Amino acid sequence: MHPEITNWILLSLFWLGMLVALLGILMVLIPGVIIRSSSTLNKWIATDVFFNSIDRPRRSERFFYRYHHAFGGLIIIGAAYCLFVAFGYVDQVRLIKALPVIVDREVSSWLYSSLYYALIAANFFALVIGCFVLVRPSLIKEFEMRVNRWIGNEDLLRSLDSSHAIPEDRFPGNLRLFGIAVFLGGVFIMFNVVLSL
């Protein structure tokens, strides 16, 4: 990493540690003010309002089946163009040499070759699907039913949609003890930053 960026990150971490240590000292010295300001800053934000529009299924199959000739033709044209460029204009060896080296030259060559052949295979698959969509889209109806499943986000968002009041819940009546832990955490951050310099 560039030395200036590293120094900026270390300086930011040092000041973050300083702020955390200061917060810990304030928790030890004036816990009542910290609890009142914590109660003022604790706001409940329900994620249901934001994610209801995303979490609603959208059915567009009827539109695609109605105009299956146009969509099948577009898929075939796109896949054929990609295959034409891949086989006709792209020199795979020169392309791999022009791309950046990830770990070493052999690993990068293997990775880029694998991605190149995966791209070709995906375009062949798209060409076949485009032919089915163009000629007879009902042939892929069973495939569509298997892959077109609903993935809800309720379980994923449950942890976001709950209240987290760590100082008040974990250390009830012992905010000073929590303040000492926060202070030690800030000192630990600053100590590690100083050691890395």
C-alpha atoms as a PDB file:
ATOM      1  CA  MET A   1       0.000   0.000   0.000  1.00  0.00           C
ATOM      2  CA  HIS A   2       1.146   3.551  -0.623  1.00  0.00           C
ATOM      3  CA  PRO A   3       2.952   5.034   2.441  1.00  0.00           C
ATOM      4  CA  GLU A   4       0.821   8.195   2.506  1.00  0.00           C
ATOM      5  CA  ILE A   5      -2.393   6.157   2.568  1.00  0.00           C
ATOM      6  CA  THR A   6      -0.981   3.917   5.292  1.00  0.00           C
ATOM      7  CA  ASN A   7       0.003   6.935   7.392  1.00  0.00           C
ATOM      8  CA  TRP A   8      -3.444   8.493   6.913  1.00  0.00           C
ATOM      9  CA  ILE A   9      -5.157   5.244   7.986  1.00  0.00           C
ATOM     10  CA  LEU A  10      -2.899   4.929  11.048  1.00  0.00           C
ATOM     11  CA  LEU A  11      -3.478   8.563  12.021  1.00  0.00           C
ATOM     12  CA  SER A  12      -7.249   8.097  11.634  1.00  0.00           C
ATOM     13  CA  LEU A  13      -7.138   4.973  13.779  1.00  0.00           C
ATOM     14  CA  PHE A  14      -5.125   6.807  16.432  1.00  0.00           C
ATOM     15  CA  TRP A  15      -7.698   9.626  16.606  1.00  0.00           C
ATOM     16  CA  LEU A  16     -10.503   7.069  16.663  1.00  0.00           C
ATOM     17  CA  GLY A  17      -8.806   5.384  19.614  1.00  0.00           C
ATOM     18  CA  MET A  18      -8.443   8.774  21.282  1.00  0.00           C
ATOM     19  CA  LEU A  19     -12.187   9.475  20.847  1.00  0.00           C
ATOM     20  CA  VAL A  20     -13.111   6.017  22.147  1.00  0.00           C
ATOM     21  CA  ALA A  21     -10.861   6.488  25.200  1.00  0.00           C
ATOM     22  CA  LEU A  22     -12.425   9.916  25.808  1.00  0.00           C
ATOM     23  CA  LEU A  23     -15.904   8.398  25.612  1.00  0.00           C
ATOM     24  CA  GLY A  24     -14.832   5.754  28.143  1.00  0.00           C
ATOM     25  CA  ILE A  25     -13.575   8.456  30.519  1.00  0.00           C
ATOM     26  CA  LEU A  26     -16.891  10.319  30.159  1.00  0.00           C
ATOM     27  CA  MET A  27     -18.786   7.093  30.933  1.00  0.00           C
ATOM     28  CA  VAL A  28     -16.802   6.705  34.130  1.00  0.00           C
ATOM     29  CA  LEU A  29     -17.019  10.340  35.255  1.00  0.00           C
ATOM     30  CA  ILE A  30     -20.543  11.391  34.174  1.00  0.00           C
ATOM     31  CA  PRO A  31     -22.628   8.251  33.472  1.00  0.00           C
ATOM     32  CA  GLY A  32     -25.961  10.056  33.933  1.00  0.00           C
ATOM     33  CA  VAL A  33     -25.296  12.479  31.068  1.00  0.00           C
ATOM     34  CA  ILE A  34     -24.160   9.607  28.834  1.00  0.00           C
ATOM     35  CA  ILE A  35     -27.335   7.615  29.580  1.00  0.00           C
ATOM     36  CA  ARG A  36     -29.556  10.642  28.852  1.00  0.00           C
ATOM     37  CA  SER A  37     -27.768  11.399  25.576  1.00  0.00           C
ATOM     38  CA  SER A  38     -27.870   7.692  24.676  1.00  0.00           C
ATOM     39  CA  SER A  39     -31.631   7.659  25.248  1.00  0.00           C
ATOM     40  CA  THR A  40     -31.991  10.734  23.049  1.00  0.00           C
ATOM     41  CA  LEU A  41     -29.909   9.206  20.254  1.00  0.00           C
ATOM     42  CA  ASN A  42     -31.564   5.767  20.376  1.00  0.00           C
ATOM     43  CA  LYS A  43     -34.136   5.862  17.590  1.00  0.00           C
ATOM     44  CA  TRP A  44     -36.106   2.922  16.309  1.00  0.00           C
ATOM     45  CA  ILE A  45     -35.887   2.560  12.540  1.00  0.00           C
ATOM     46  CA  ALA A  46     -38.173  -0.119  11.142  1.00  0.00           C
ATOM     47  CA  THR A  47     -36.932  -1.674   7.920  1.00  0.00           C
ATOM     48  CA  ASP A  48     -40.387  -2.799   6.783  1.00  0.00           C
ATOM     49  CA  VAL A  49     -41.156   0.539   5.147  1.00  0.00           C
ATOM     50  CA  PHE A  50     -37.928   0.497   3.146  1.00  0.00           C
ATOM     51  CA  PHE A  51     -37.957  -3.130   2.056  1.00  0.00           C
ATOM     52  CA  ASN A  52     -41.642  -3.802   1.358  1.00  0.00           C
ATOM     53  CA  SER A  53     -41.343  -2.561  -2.206  1.00  0.00           C
ATOM     54  CA  ILE A  54     -38.246  -4.697  -2.771  1.00  0.00           C
ATOM     55  CA  ASP A  55     -39.757  -7.763  -1.105  1.00  0.00           C
ATOM     56  CA  ARG A  56     -42.777  -7.880  -3.421  1.00  0.00           C
ATOM     57  CA  PRO A  57     -42.784 -10.425  -6.284  1.00  0.00           C
ATOM     58  CA  ARG A  58     -42.955  -9.034  -9.771  1.00  0.00           C
ATOM     59  CA  ARG A  59     -44.434 -11.133 -12.521  1.00  0.00           C
ATOM     60  CA  SER A  60     -43.222 -10.345 -16.015  1.00  0.00           C
ATOM     61  CA  GLU A  61     -43.531 -13.755 -17.679  1.00  0.00           C
ATOM     62  CA  ARG A  62     -46.705 -12.865 -19.558  1.00  0.00           C
ATOM     63  CA  PHE A  63     -44.984  -9.909 -21.256  1.00  0.00           C
ATOM     64  CA  PHE A  64     -41.982 -12.036 -22.270  1.00  0.00           C
ATOM     65  CA  TYR A  65     -44.168 -14.877 -23.559  1.00  0.00           C
ATOM     66  CA  ARG A  66     -46.315 -12.478 -25.556  1.00  0.00           C
ATOM     67  CA  TYR A  67     -43.252 -11.065 -27.351  1.00  0.00           C
ATOM     68  CA  HIS A  68     -41.145 -14.215 -27.330  1.00  0.00           C
ATOM     69  CA  HIS A  69     -40.031 -13.774 -30.953  1.00  0.00           C
ATOM     70  CA  ALA A  70     -38.451 -10.390 -30.209  1.00  0.00           C
ATOM     71  CA  PHE A  71     -36.812 -11.527 -26.965  1.00  0.00           C
ATOM     72  CA  GLY A  72     -35.576 -14.777 -28.482  1.00  0.00           C
ATOM     73  CA  GLY A  73     -34.131 -12.864 -31.408  1.00  0.00           C
ATOM     74  CA  LEU A  74     -32.388 -10.364 -29.108  1.00  0.00           C
ATOM     75  CA  ILE A  75     -30.906 -13.176 -27.016  1.00  0.00           C
ATOM     76  CA  ILE A  76     -29.663 -14.969 -30.141  1.00  0.00           C
ATOM     77  CA  ILE A  77     -28.184 -11.771 -31.607  1.00  0.00           C
ATOM     78  CA  GLY A  78     -26.432 -10.879 -28.336  1.00  0.00           C
ATOM     79  CA  ALA A  79     -25.018 -14.379 -27.779  1.00  0.00           C
ATOM     80  CA  ALA A  80     -23.964 -14.735 -31.415  1.00  0.00           C
ATOM     81  CA  TYR A  81     -22.216 -11.354 -31.336  1.00  0.00           C
ATOM     82  CA  CYS A  82     -20.320 -12.272 -28.151  1.00  0.00           C
ATOM     83  CA  LEU A  83     -19.271 -15.620 -29.641  1.00  0.00           C
ATOM     84  CA  PHE A  84     -18.263 -13.951 -32.913  1.00  0.00           C
ATOM     85  CA  VAL A  85     -16.072 -11.457 -31.040  1.00  0.00           C
ATOM     86  CA  ALA A  86     -14.630 -14.166 -28.776  1.00  0.00           C
ATOM     87  CA  PHE A  87     -13.696 -16.456 -31.661  1.00  0.00           C
ATOM     88  CA  GLY A  88     -13.000 -13.926 -34.382  1.00  0.00           C
ATOM     89  CA  TYR A  89     -11.382 -10.849 -32.870  1.00  0.00           C
ATOM     90  CA  VAL A  90      -9.992 -11.731 -29.464  1.00  0.00           C
ATOM     91  CA  ASP A  91      -6.518 -13.208 -29.258  1.00  0.00           C
ATOM     92  CA  GLN A  92      -6.738 -15.053 -25.962  1.00  0.00           C
ATOM     93  CA  VAL A  93      -2.976 -15.135 -25.301  1.00  0.00           C
ATOM     94  CA  ARG A  94      -2.554 -11.396 -25.905  1.00  0.00           C
ATOM     95  CA  LEU A  95      -5.641 -10.632 -23.819  1.00  0.00           C
ATOM     96  CA  ILE A  96      -4.343 -12.663 -20.859  1.00  0.00           C
ATOM     97  CA  LYS A  97      -0.949 -10.964 -21.037  1.00  0.00           C
ATOM     98  CA  ALA A  98      -2.611  -7.526 -21.053  1.00  0.00           C
ATOM     99  CA  LEU A  99      -4.663  -8.202 -17.918  1.00  0.00           C
ATOM    100  CA  PRO A 100      -3.124  -7.544 -14.472  1.00  0.00           C
ATOM    101  CA  VAL A 101      -1.332 -10.331 -12.622  1.00  0.00           C
ATOM    102  CA  ILE A 102      -3.269 -11.391  -9.525  1.00  0.00           C
ATOM    103  CA  VAL A 103      -0.992 -13.773  -7.593  1.00  0.00           C
ATOM    104  CA  ASP A 104       1.608 -14.841 -10.115  1.00  0.00           C
ATOM    105  CA  ARG A 105       1.711 -15.264 -13.888  1.00  0.00           C
ATOM    106  CA  GLU A 106       0.636 -18.949 -13.951  1.00  0.00           C
ATOM    107  CA  VAL A 107      -2.296 -18.505 -11.571  1.00  0.00           C
ATOM    108  CA  SER A 108      -3.473 -15.422 -13.444  1.00  0.00           C
ATOM    109  CA  SER A 109      -3.184 -17.201 -16.787  1.00  0.00           C
ATOM    110  CA  TRP A 110      -5.170 -20.166 -15.484  1.00  0.00           C
ATOM    111  CA  LEU A 111      -7.838 -17.916 -13.913  1.00  0.00           C
ATOM    112  CA  TYR A 112      -8.291 -15.731 -16.993  1.00  0.00           C
ATOM    113  CA  SER A 113      -8.389 -18.758 -19.308  1.00  0.00           C
ATOM    114  CA  SER A 114     -11.047 -20.357 -17.105  1.00  0.00           C
ATOM    115  CA  LEU A 115     -13.102 -17.165 -17.131  1.00  0.00           C
ATOM    116  CA  TYR A 116     -12.717 -16.896 -20.923  1.00  0.00           C
ATOM    117  CA  TYR A 117     -14.011 -20.447 -21.468  1.00  0.00           C
ATOM    118  CA  ALA A 118     -16.800 -19.940 -18.914  1.00  0.00           C
ATOM    119  CA  LEU A 119     -17.876 -16.843 -20.854  1.00  0.00           C
ATOM    120  CA  ILE A 120     -17.925 -18.838 -24.088  1.00  0.00           C
ATOM    121  CA  ALA A 121     -19.938 -21.643 -22.440  1.00  0.00           C
ATOM    122  CA  ALA A 122     -22.426 -19.120 -21.010  1.00  0.00           C
ATOM    123  CA  ASN A 123     -22.888 -17.563 -24.444  1.00  0.00           C
ATOM    124  CA  PHE A 124     -23.484 -20.982 -26.023  1.00  0.00           C
ATOM    125  CA  PHE A 125     -26.062 -21.667 -23.305  1.00  0.00           C
ATOM    126  CA  ALA A 126     -27.689 -18.266 -23.997  1.00  0.00           C
ATOM    127  CA  LEU A 127     -27.739 -19.085 -27.719  1.00  0.00           C
ATOM    128  CA  VAL A 128     -29.599 -22.350 -27.041  1.00  0.00           C
ATOM    129  CA  ILE A 129     -32.042 -20.631 -24.657  1.00  0.00           C
ATOM    130  CA  GLY A 130     -32.581 -17.889 -27.252  1.00  0.00           C
ATOM    131  CA  CYS A 131     -33.474 -20.507 -29.867  1.00  0.00           C
ATOM    132  CA  PHE A 132     -35.989 -22.087 -27.473  1.00  0.00           C
ATOM    133  CA  VAL A 133     -37.496 -18.690 -26.624  1.00  0.00           C
ATOM    134  CA  LEU A 134     -37.710 -17.775 -30.316  1.00  0.00           C
ATOM    135  CA  VAL A 135     -39.227 -21.028 -31.562  1.00  0.00           C
ATOM    136  CA  ARG A 136     -41.147 -22.524 -28.660  1.00  0.00           C
ATOM    137  CA  PRO A 137     -40.900 -20.911 -25.227  1.00  0.00           C
ATOM    138  CA  SER A 138     -43.113 -23.559 -23.621  1.00  0.00           C
ATOM    139  CA  LEU A 139     -40.154 -25.974 -23.821  1.00  0.00           C
ATOM    140  CA  ILE A 140     -38.324 -24.011 -21.136  1.00  0.00           C
ATOM    141  CA  LYS A 141     -41.378 -23.585 -18.909  1.00  0.00           C
ATOM    142  CA  GLU A 142     -40.336 -26.445 -16.603  1.00  0.00           C
ATOM    143  CA  PHE A 143     -36.782 -25.086 -16.367  1.00  0.00           C
ATOM    144  CA  GLU A 144     -38.216 -21.640 -15.582  1.00  0.00           C
ATOM    145  CA  MET A 145     -40.433 -23.028 -12.826  1.00  0.00           C
ATOM    146  CA  ARG A 146     -37.421 -24.723 -11.171  1.00  0.00           C
ATOM    147  CA  VAL A 147     -35.159 -21.657 -11.195  1.00  0.00           C
ATOM    148  CA  ASN A 148     -37.829 -18.995 -10.632  1.00  0.00           C
ATOM    149  CA  ARG A 149     -38.184 -19.255  -6.852  1.00  0.00           C
ATOM    150  CA  TRP A 150     -38.978 -16.637  -4.265  1.00  0.00           C
ATOM    151  CA  ILE A 151     -36.264 -15.602  -1.829  1.00  0.00           C
ATOM    152  CA  GLY A 152     -37.647 -13.590   1.080  1.00  0.00           C
ATOM    153  CA  ASN A 153     -35.522 -11.244   3.136  1.00  0.00           C
ATOM    154  CA  GLU A 154     -37.418 -11.423   6.444  1.00  0.00           C
ATOM    155  CA  ASP A 155     -34.877 -13.754   8.065  1.00  0.00           C
ATOM    156  CA  LEU A 156     -31.953 -11.699   6.795  1.00  0.00           C
ATOM    157  CA  LEU A 157     -33.373  -8.418   8.081  1.00  0.00           C
ATOM    158  CA  ARG A 158     -34.580  -9.669  11.464  1.00  0.00           C
ATOM    159  CA  SER A 159     -31.300  -8.716  13.153  1.00  0.00           C
ATOM    160  CA  LEU A 160     -31.506  -5.209  11.664  1.00  0.00           C
ATOM    161  CA  ASP A 161     -35.117  -4.819  12.722  1.00  0.00           C
ATOM    162  CA  SER A 162     -34.504  -5.279  16.460  1.00  0.00           C
ATOM    163  CA  SER A 163     -33.418  -2.926  19.192  1.00  0.00           C
ATOM    164  CA  HIS A 164     -29.794  -3.013  20.310  1.00  0.00           C
ATOM    165  CA  ALA A 165     -29.045  -1.001  23.444  1.00  0.00           C
ATOM    166  CA  ILE A 166     -25.780  -2.615  24.495  1.00  0.00           C
ATOM    167  CA  PRO A 167     -24.672  -0.380  27.393  1.00  0.00           C
ATOM    168  CA  GLU A 168     -28.097  -0.359  29.022  1.00  0.00           C
ATOM    169  CA  ASP A 169     -28.820  -4.075  28.458  1.00  0.00           C
ATOM    170  CA  ARG A 170     -25.442  -5.655  29.131  1.00  0.00           C
ATOM    171  CA  PHE A 171     -24.296  -3.409  31.964  1.00  0.00           C
ATOM    172  CA  PRO A 172     -27.442  -2.228  33.764  1.00  0.00           C
ATOM    173  CA  GLY A 173     -26.372   0.059  36.586  1.00  0.00           C
ATOM    174  CA  ASN A 174     -22.715  -0.568  35.767  1.00  0.00           C
ATOM    175  CA  LEU A 175     -22.081   2.008  33.076  1.00  0.00           C
ATOM    176  CA  ARG A 176     -18.832   2.916  34.813  1.00  0.00           C
ATOM    177  CA  LEU A 177     -17.605  -0.656  34.337  1.00  0.00           C
ATOM    178  CA  PHE A 178     -18.555  -0.441  30.666  1.00  0.00           C
ATOM    179  CA  GLY A 179     -16.762   2.919  30.485  1.00  0.00           C
ATOM    180  CA  ILE A 180     -13.572   1.321  31.808  1.00  0.00           C
ATOM    181  CA  ALA A 181     -13.850  -1.379  29.112  1.00  0.00           C
ATOM    182  CA  VAL A 182     -14.390   1.277  26.415  1.00  0.00           C
ATOM    183  CA  PHE A 183     -11.438   3.304  27.725  1.00  0.00           C
ATOM    184  CA  LEU A 184      -9.186   0.231  27.645  1.00  0.00           C
ATOM    185  CA  GLY A 185     -10.357  -0.507  24.097  1.00  0.00           C
ATOM    186  CA  GLY A 186      -9.402   3.023  22.992  1.00  0.00           C
ATOM    187  CA  VAL A 187      -6.006   2.766  24.691  1.00  0.00           C
ATOM    188  CA  PHE A 188      -5.489  -0.612  22.988  1.00  0.00           C
ATOM    189  CA  ILE A 189      -6.198   0.926  19.556  1.00  0.00           C
ATOM    190  CA  MET A 190      -3.803   3.829  20.199  1.00  0.00           C
ATOM    191  CA  PHE A 191      -1.101   1.501  21.576  1.00  0.00           C
ATOM    192  CA  ASN A 192      -1.260  -0.737  18.493  1.00  0.00           C
ATOM    193  CA  VAL A 193      -1.084   2.261  16.166  1.00  0.00           C
ATOM    194  CA  VAL A 194       1.993   3.582  17.985  1.00  0.00           C
ATOM    195  CA  LEU A 195       3.616   0.132  17.816  1.00  0.00           C
ATOM    196  CA  SER A 196       2.991  -0.107  14.059  1.00  0.00           C
ATOM    197  CA  LEU A 197       4.765   3.223  13.459  1.00  0.00           C
END
